[in-house]
Amino acid sequence: MDIDSITAFLMWCTILNVALLALSSLICVCAGDWVYRIHSKWFSISRETFNVAIYSFIGLYKIFIFVFILIPYIALLIVG
């Protein structure tokens, strides 16, 4: 693989992951009660614990996108 194909791959990974992050955040903001009702049927969890878990998941996912996809993509744009 050459640098151009890796750069293109990371570009599409960034686009798709940011879109998924935005969709997940939008669903949690707009339909948070619906998501909680679904998950509370599967697990006995309080609303406060659910909010912390969802907020932590979205934050961790955002950090992973930045560290493992976006930053390497930017570095390859600078180098290549």
PDB file of N, CA and C in Angstrom:
ATOM      1  N   MET A   1       0.837  -1.187   0.000  1.00  0.00           N
ATOM      2  CA  MET A   1       0.000   0.000   0.000  1.00  0.00           C
ATOM      3  C   MET A   1       0.877   1.243   0.000  1.00  0.00           C
ATOM      4  N   ASP A   2       0.452   2.219  -0.738  1.00  0.00           N
ATOM      5  CA  ASP A   2       1.185   3.477  -0.758  1.00  0.00           C
ATOM      6  C   ASP A   2       0.487   4.498   0.143  1.00  0.00           C
ATOM      7  N   ILE A   3       1.143   5.626   0.318  1.00  0.00           N
ATOM      8  CA  ILE A   3       0.640   6.650   1.226  1.00  0.00           C
ATOM      9  C   ILE A   3      -0.691   7.209   0.740  1.00  0.00           C
ATOM     10  N   ASP A   4      -0.875   7.333  -0.567  1.00  0.00           N
ATOM     11  CA  ASP A   4      -2.121   7.883  -1.098  1.00  0.00           C
ATOM     12  C   ASP A   4      -3.319   7.004  -0.776  1.00  0.00           C
ATOM     13  N   SER A   5      -3.165   5.700  -0.893  1.00  0.00           N
ATOM     14  CA  SER A   5      -4.294   4.809  -0.588  1.00  0.00           C
ATOM     15  C   SER A   5      -4.583   4.773   0.912  1.00  0.00           C
ATOM     16  N   ILE A   6      -3.554   4.837   1.742  1.00  0.00           N
ATOM     17  CA  ILE A   6      -3.777   4.880   3.194  1.00  0.00           C
ATOM     18  C   ILE A   6      -4.448   6.193   3.585  1.00  0.00           C
ATOM     19  N   THR A   7      -4.029   7.287   2.957  1.00  0.00           N
ATOM     20  CA  THR A   7      -4.652   8.582   3.225  1.00  0.00           C
ATOM     21  C   THR A   7      -6.120   8.573   2.826  1.00  0.00           C
ATOM     22  N   ALA A   8      -6.420   8.013   1.666  1.00  0.00           N
ATOM     23  CA  ALA A   8      -7.813   7.929   1.220  1.00  0.00           C
ATOM     24  C   ALA A   8      -8.631   7.042   2.158  1.00  0.00           C
ATOM     25  N   PHE A   9      -8.038   5.932   2.599  1.00  0.00           N
ATOM     26  CA  PHE A   9      -8.721   5.047   3.542  1.00  0.00           C
ATOM     27  C   PHE A   9      -9.040   5.770   4.846  1.00  0.00           C
ATOM     28  N   LEU A  10      -8.058   6.484   5.400  1.00  0.00           N
ATOM     29  CA  LEU A  10      -8.286   7.205   6.651  1.00  0.00           C
ATOM     30  C   LEU A  10      -9.269   8.354   6.472  1.00  0.00           C
ATOM     31  N   MET A  11      -9.296   8.959   5.287  1.00  0.00           N
ATOM     32  CA  MET A  11     -10.265  10.013   5.023  1.00  0.00           C
ATOM     33  C   MET A  11     -11.683   9.455   5.113  1.00  0.00           C
ATOM     34  N   TRP A  12     -11.917   8.322   4.447  1.00  0.00           N
ATOM     35  CA  TRP A  12     -13.254   7.726   4.485  1.00  0.00           C
ATOM     36  C   TRP A  12     -13.589   7.184   5.868  1.00  0.00           C
ATOM     37  N   CYS A  13     -12.607   6.664   6.583  1.00  0.00           N
ATOM     38  CA  CYS A  13     -12.843   6.229   7.962  1.00  0.00           C
ATOM     39  C   CYS A  13     -13.255   7.411   8.835  1.00  0.00           C
ATOM     40  N   THR A  14     -12.595   8.537   8.645  1.00  0.00           N
ATOM     41  CA  THR A  14     -12.931   9.735   9.403  1.00  0.00           C
ATOM     42  C   THR A  14     -14.344  10.192   9.091  1.00  0.00           C
ATOM     43  N   ILE A  15     -14.684  10.251   7.824  1.00  0.00           N
ATOM     44  CA  ILE A  15     -16.019  10.696   7.421  1.00  0.00           C
ATOM     45  C   ILE A  15     -17.095   9.786   8.000  1.00  0.00           C
ATOM     46  N   LEU A  16     -16.922   8.484   7.852  1.00  0.00           N
ATOM     47  CA  LEU A  16     -17.934   7.545   8.334  1.00  0.00           C
ATOM     48  C   LEU A  16     -18.042   7.538   9.853  1.00  0.00           C
ATOM     49  N   ASN A  17     -16.915   7.594  10.556  1.00  0.00           N
ATOM     50  CA  ASN A  17     -16.954   7.577  12.012  1.00  0.00           C
ATOM     51  C   ASN A  17     -17.518   8.871  12.595  1.00  0.00           C
ATOM     52  N   VAL A  18     -17.208   9.996  11.999  1.00  0.00           N
ATOM     53  CA  VAL A  18     -17.779  11.257  12.476  1.00  0.00           C
ATOM     54  C   VAL A  18     -19.285  11.285  12.205  1.00  0.00           C
ATOM     55  N   ALA A  19     -19.714  10.740  11.063  1.00  0.00           N
ATOM     56  CA  ALA A  19     -21.149  10.657  10.779  1.00  0.00           C
ATOM     57  C   ALA A  19     -21.846   9.755  11.794  1.00  0.00           C
ATOM     58  N   LEU A  20     -21.232   8.633  12.124  1.00  0.00           N
ATOM     59  CA  LEU A  20     -21.813   7.728  13.124  1.00  0.00           C
ATOM     60  C   LEU A  20     -21.838   8.375  14.505  1.00  0.00           C
ATOM     61  N   LEU A  21     -20.797   9.113  14.839  1.00  0.00           N
ATOM     62  CA  LEU A  21     -20.764   9.838  16.106  1.00  0.00           C
ATOM     63  C   LEU A  21     -21.864  10.893  16.162  1.00  0.00           C
ATOM     64  N   ALA A  22     -22.042  11.626  15.082  1.00  0.00           N
ATOM     65  CA  ALA A  22     -23.090  12.650  15.037  1.00  0.00           C
ATOM     66  C   ALA A  22     -24.474  12.023  15.133  1.00  0.00           C
ATOM     67  N   LEU A  23     -24.684  10.915  14.430  1.00  0.00           N
ATOM     68  CA  LEU A  23     -25.967  10.224  14.483  1.00  0.00           C
ATOM     69  C   LEU A  23     -26.244   9.696  15.888  1.00  0.00           C
ATOM     70  N   SER A  24     -25.253   9.099  16.523  1.00  0.00           N
ATOM     71  CA  SER A  24     -25.424   8.588  17.882  1.00  0.00           C
ATOM     72  C   SER A  24     -25.745   9.716  18.851  1.00  0.00           C
ATOM     73  N   SER A  25     -25.041  10.816  18.733  1.00  0.00           N
ATOM     74  CA  SER A  25     -25.296  11.958  19.611  1.00  0.00           C
ATOM     75  C   SER A  25     -26.688  12.529  19.375  1.00  0.00           C
ATOM     76  N   LEU A  26     -27.073  12.640  18.118  1.00  0.00           N
ATOM     77  CA  LEU A  26     -28.400  13.162  17.780  1.00  0.00           C
ATOM     78  C   LEU A  26     -29.506  12.261  18.313  1.00  0.00           C
ATOM     79  N   ILE A  27     -29.332  10.964  18.186  1.00  0.00           N
ATOM     80  CA  ILE A  27     -30.331  10.025  18.705  1.00  0.00           C
ATOM     81  C   ILE A  27     -30.423  10.135  20.220  1.00  0.00           C
ATOM     82  N   CYS A  28     -29.295  10.231  20.895  1.00  0.00           N
ATOM     83  CA  CYS A  28     -29.326  10.328  22.357  1.00  0.00           C
ATOM     84  C   CYS A  28     -29.928  11.647  22.828  1.00  0.00           C
ATOM     85  N   VAL A  29     -29.726  12.715  22.074  1.00  0.00           N
ATOM     86  CA  VAL A  29     -30.295  14.010  22.457  1.00  0.00           C
ATOM     87  C   VAL A  29     -31.790  14.054  22.161  1.00  0.00           C
ATOM     88  N   CYS A  30     -32.174  13.617  20.978  1.00  0.00           N
ATOM     89  CA  CYS A  30     -33.569  13.739  20.554  1.00  0.00           C
ATOM     90  C   CYS A  30     -34.461  12.602  21.036  1.00  0.00           C
ATOM     91  N   ALA A  31     -33.921  11.415  21.183  1.00  0.00           N
ATOM     92  CA  ALA A  31     -34.729  10.256  21.561  1.00  0.00           C
ATOM     93  C   ALA A  31     -34.109   9.521  22.744  1.00  0.00           C
ATOM     94  N   GLY A  32     -33.601  10.279  23.703  1.00  0.00           N
ATOM     95  CA  GLY A  32     -32.939   9.672  24.849  1.00  0.00           C
ATOM     96  C   GLY A  32     -33.863   8.802  25.683  1.00  0.00           C
ATOM     97  N   ASP A  33     -35.115   9.239  25.844  1.00  0.00           N
ATOM     98  CA  ASP A  33     -36.061   8.440  26.630  1.00  0.00           C
ATOM     99  C   ASP A  33     -36.362   7.113  25.948  1.00  0.00           C
ATOM    100  N   TRP A  34     -36.496   7.142  24.640  1.00  0.00           N
ATOM    101  CA  TRP A  34     -36.759   5.921  23.878  1.00  0.00           C
ATOM    102  C   TRP A  34     -35.591   4.938  24.002  1.00  0.00           C
ATOM    103  N   VAL A  35     -34.375   5.457  23.869  1.00  0.00           N
ATOM    104  CA  VAL A  35     -33.189   4.610  23.993  1.00  0.00           C
ATOM    105  C   VAL A  35     -33.101   4.038  25.408  1.00  0.00           C
ATOM    106  N   TYR A  36     -33.403   4.856  26.408  1.00  0.00           N
ATOM    107  CA  TYR A  36     -33.375   4.369  27.794  1.00  0.00           C
ATOM    108  C   TYR A  36     -34.417   3.273  28.017  1.00  0.00           C
ATOM    109  N   ARG A  37     -35.626   3.461  27.489  1.00  0.00           N
ATOM    110  CA  ARG A  37     -36.665   2.436  27.670  1.00  0.00           C
ATOM    111  C   ARG A  37     -36.247   1.109  27.066  1.00  0.00           C
ATOM    112  N   ILE A  38     -35.633   1.150  25.892  1.00  0.00           N
ATOM    113  CA  ILE A  38     -35.176  -0.097  25.250  1.00  0.00           C
ATOM    114  C   ILE A  38     -34.124  -0.780  26.117  1.00  0.00           C
ATOM    115  N   HIS A  39     -33.142  -0.023  26.570  1.00  0.00           N
ATOM    116  CA  HIS A  39     -32.052  -0.621  27.347  1.00  0.00           C
ATOM    117  C   HIS A  39     -32.483  -1.020  28.752  1.00  0.00           C
ATOM    118  N   SER A  40     -33.441  -0.316  29.305  1.00  0.00           N
ATOM    119  CA  SER A  40     -33.887  -0.685  30.654  1.00  0.00           C
ATOM    120  C   SER A  40     -34.699  -1.974  30.640  1.00  0.00           C
ATOM    121  N   LYS A  41     -35.204  -2.376  29.481  1.00  0.00           N
ATOM    122  CA  LYS A  41     -35.867  -3.684  29.378  1.00  0.00           C
ATOM    123  C   LYS A  41     -34.836  -4.813  29.430  1.00  0.00           C
ATOM    124  N   TRP A  42     -33.651  -4.571  28.901  1.00  0.00           N
ATOM    125  CA  TRP A  42     -32.600  -5.582  28.869  1.00  0.00           C
ATOM    126  C   TRP A  42     -31.801  -5.626  30.165  1.00  0.00           C
ATOM    127  N   PHE A  43     -31.543  -4.440  30.738  1.00  0.00           N
ATOM    128  CA  PHE A  43     -30.699  -4.332  31.928  1.00  0.00           C
ATOM    129  C   PHE A  43     -31.435  -3.526  32.982  1.00  0.00           C
ATOM    130  N   SER A  44     -31.285  -3.903  34.233  1.00  0.00           N
ATOM    131  CA  SER A  44     -31.862  -3.082  35.304  1.00  0.00           C
ATOM    132  C   SER A  44     -30.862  -1.972  35.621  1.00  0.00           C
ATOM    133  N   ILE A  45     -31.136  -0.784  35.090  1.00  0.00           N
ATOM    134  CA  ILE A  45     -30.226   0.339  35.205  1.00  0.00           C
ATOM    135  C   ILE A  45     -31.044   1.599  35.460  1.00  0.00           C
ATOM    136  N   SER A  46     -30.536   2.453  36.332  1.00  0.00           N
ATOM    137  CA  SER A  46     -31.239   3.706  36.606  1.00  0.00           C
ATOM    138  C   SER A  46     -30.969   4.703  35.479  1.00  0.00           C
ATOM    139  N   ARG A  47     -31.800   5.713  35.415  1.00  0.00           N
ATOM    140  CA  ARG A  47     -31.651   6.725  34.358  1.00  0.00           C
ATOM    141  C   ARG A  47     -30.327   7.476  34.504  1.00  0.00           C
ATOM    142  N   GLU A  48     -29.938   7.782  35.729  1.00  0.00           N
ATOM    143  CA  GLU A  48     -28.685   8.514  35.950  1.00  0.00           C
ATOM    144  C   GLU A  48     -27.481   7.685  35.515  1.00  0.00           C
ATOM    145  N   THR A  49     -27.504   6.396  35.832  1.00  0.00           N
ATOM    146  CA  THR A  49     -26.413   5.516  35.422  1.00  0.00           C
ATOM    147  C   THR A  49     -26.379   5.367  33.913  1.00  0.00           C
ATOM    148  N   PHE A  50     -27.548   5.288  33.310  1.00  0.00           N
ATOM    149  CA  PHE A  50     -27.635   5.200  31.849  1.00  0.00           C
ATOM    150  C   PHE A  50     -27.060   6.452  31.199  1.00  0.00           C
ATOM    151  N   ASN A  51     -27.406   7.620  31.725  1.00  0.00           N
ATOM    152  CA  ASN A  51     -26.887   8.875  31.170  1.00  0.00           C
ATOM    153  C   ASN A  51     -25.364   8.933  31.254  1.00  0.00           C
ATOM    154  N   VAL A  52     -24.809   8.502  32.382  1.00  0.00           N
ATOM    155  CA  VAL A  52     -23.351   8.489  32.548  1.00  0.00           C
ATOM    156  C   VAL A  52     -22.719   7.510  31.557  1.00  0.00           C
ATOM    157  N   ALA A  53     -23.328   6.336  31.393  1.00  0.00           N
ATOM    158  CA  ALA A  53     -22.778   5.330  30.480  1.00  0.00           C
ATOM    159  C   ALA A  53     -22.805   5.829  29.035  1.00  0.00           C
ATOM    160  N   ILE A  54     -23.918   6.415  28.613  1.00  0.00           N
ATOM    161  CA  ILE A  54     -24.019   6.919  27.233  1.00  0.00           C
ATOM    162  C   ILE A  54     -23.054   8.079  27.006  1.00  0.00           C
ATOM    163  N   TYR A  55     -22.994   8.996  27.963  1.00  0.00           N
ATOM    164  CA  TYR A  55     -22.090  10.134  27.835  1.00  0.00           C
ATOM    165  C   TYR A  55     -20.637   9.664  27.777  1.00  0.00           C
ATOM    166  N   SER A  56     -20.293   8.685  28.610  1.00  0.00           N
ATOM    167  CA  SER A  56     -18.937   8.144  28.610  1.00  0.00           C
ATOM    168  C   SER A  56     -18.620   7.437  27.303  1.00  0.00           C
ATOM    169  N   PHE A  57     -19.577   6.657  26.781  1.00  0.00           N
ATOM    170  CA  PHE A  57     -19.370   5.960  25.514  1.00  0.00           C
ATOM    171  C   PHE A  57     -19.134   6.939  24.373  1.00  0.00           C
ATOM    172  N   ILE A  58     -19.973   7.954  24.281  1.00  0.00           N
ATOM    173  CA  ILE A  58     -19.827   8.926  23.187  1.00  0.00           C
ATOM    174  C   ILE A  58     -18.511   9.690  23.326  1.00  0.00           C
ATOM    175  N   GLY A  59     -18.142  10.052  24.537  1.00  0.00           N
ATOM    176  CA  GLY A  59     -16.867  10.748  24.748  1.00  0.00           C
ATOM    177  C   GLY A  59     -15.665   9.893  24.409  1.00  0.00           C
ATOM    178  N   LEU A  60     -15.693   8.629  24.823  1.00  0.00           N
ATOM    179  CA  LEU A  60     -14.595   7.718  24.520  1.00  0.00           C
ATOM    180  C   LEU A  60     -14.500   7.443  23.018  1.00  0.00           C
ATOM    181  N   TYR A  61     -15.650   7.298  22.379  1.00  0.00           N
ATOM    182  CA  TYR A  61     -15.671   7.081  20.923  1.00  0.00           C
ATOM    183  C   TYR A  61     -15.080   8.287  20.194  1.00  0.00           C
ATOM    184  N   LYS A  62     -15.404   9.498  20.658  1.00  0.00           N
ATOM    185  CA  LYS A  62     -14.853  10.712  20.052  1.00  0.00           C
ATOM    186  C   LYS A  62     -13.340  10.765  20.223  1.00  0.00           C
ATOM    187  N   ILE A  63     -12.849  10.414  21.400  1.00  0.00           N
ATOM    188  CA  ILE A  63     -11.403  10.398  21.629  1.00  0.00           C
ATOM    189  C   ILE A  63     -10.724   9.379  20.725  1.00  0.00           C
ATOM    190  N   PHE A  64     -11.316   8.174  20.596  1.00  0.00           N
ATOM    191  CA  PHE A  64     -10.743   7.152  19.712  1.00  0.00           C
ATOM    192  C   PHE A  64     -10.710   7.622  18.265  1.00  0.00           C
ATOM    193  N   ILE A  65     -11.748   8.297  17.814  1.00  0.00           N
ATOM    194  CA  ILE A  65     -11.764   8.817  16.444  1.00  0.00           C
ATOM    195  C   ILE A  65     -10.623   9.804  16.252  1.00  0.00           C
ATOM    196  N   PHE A  66     -10.462  10.720  17.187  1.00  0.00           N
ATOM    197  CA  PHE A  66      -9.406  11.718  17.061  1.00  0.00           C
ATOM    198  C   PHE A  66      -8.023  11.080  17.079  1.00  0.00           C
ATOM    199  N   VAL A  67      -7.774  10.197  18.047  1.00  0.00           N
ATOM    200  CA  VAL A  67      -6.435   9.660  18.249  1.00  0.00           C
ATOM    201  C   VAL A  67      -6.044   8.655  17.168  1.00  0.00           C
ATOM    202  N   PHE A  68      -6.949   7.755  16.816  1.00  0.00           N
ATOM    203  CA  PHE A  68      -6.593   6.654  15.924  1.00  0.00           C
ATOM    204  C   PHE A  68      -6.948   6.866  14.458  1.00  0.00           C
ATOM    205  N   ILE A  69      -7.767   7.861  14.141  1.00  0.00           N
ATOM    206  CA  ILE A  69      -8.160   8.051  12.748  1.00  0.00           C
ATOM    207  C   ILE A  69      -7.845   9.464  12.255  1.00  0.00           C
ATOM    208  N   LEU A  70      -8.347  10.482  12.958  1.00  0.00           N
ATOM    209  CA  LEU A  70      -8.199  11.851  12.467  1.00  0.00           C
ATOM    210  C   LEU A  70      -6.753  12.346  12.517  1.00  0.00           C
ATOM    211  N   ILE A  71      -6.069  12.139  13.621  1.00  0.00           N
ATOM    212  CA  ILE A  71      -4.683  12.608  13.754  1.00  0.00           C
ATOM    213  C   ILE A  71      -3.756  11.904  12.759  1.00  0.00           C
ATOM    214  N   PRO A  72      -3.839  10.553  12.593  1.00  0.00           N
ATOM    215  CA  PRO A  72      -3.014   9.936  11.547  1.00  0.00           C
ATOM    216  C   PRO A  72      -3.342  10.433  10.139  1.00  0.00           C
ATOM    217  N   TYR A  73      -4.620  10.714   9.884  1.00  0.00           N
ATOM    218  CA  TYR A  73      -5.004  11.247   8.568  1.00  0.00           C
ATOM    219  C   TYR A  73      -4.368  12.615   8.342  1.00  0.00           C
ATOM    220  N   ILE A  74      -4.430  13.476   9.335  1.00  0.00           N
ATOM    221  CA  ILE A  74      -3.810  14.795   9.207  1.00  0.00           C
ATOM    222  C   ILE A  74      -2.304  14.684   9.052  1.00  0.00           C
ATOM    223  N   ALA A  75      -1.676  13.769   9.798  1.00  0.00           N
ATOM    224  CA  ALA A  75      -0.238  13.573   9.677  1.00  0.00           C
ATOM    225  C   ALA A  75       0.139  13.104   8.272  1.00  0.00           C
ATOM    226  N   LEU A  76      -0.649  12.204   7.701  1.00  0.00           N
ATOM    227  CA  LEU A  76      -0.369  11.754   6.342  1.00  0.00           C
ATOM    228  C   LEU A  76      -0.591  12.854   5.319  1.00  0.00           C
ATOM    229  N   LEU A  77      -1.546  13.730   5.555  1.00  0.00           N
ATOM    230  CA  LEU A  77      -1.732  14.868   4.653  1.00  0.00           C
ATOM    231  C   LEU A  77      -0.513  15.803   4.703  1.00  0.00           C
ATOM    232  N   ILE A  78       0.049  15.982   5.893  1.00  0.00           N
ATOM    233  CA  ILE A  78       1.213  16.859   6.023  1.00  0.00           C
ATOM    234  C   ILE A  78       2.435  16.216   5.357  1.00  0.00           C
ATOM    235  N   VAL A  79       2.616  14.919   5.586  1.00  0.00           N
ATOM    236  CA  VAL A  79       3.809  14.228   5.072  1.00  0.00           C
ATOM    237  C   VAL A  79       3.697  14.017   3.560  1.00  0.00           C
ATOM    238  N   GLY A  80       2.506  13.590   3.120  1.00  0.00           N
ATOM    239  CA  GLY A  80       2.349  13.218   1.721  1.00  0.00           C
ATOM    240  C   GLY A  80       2.051  14.379   0.866  1.00  0.00           C
TER     241      GLY A  80
END
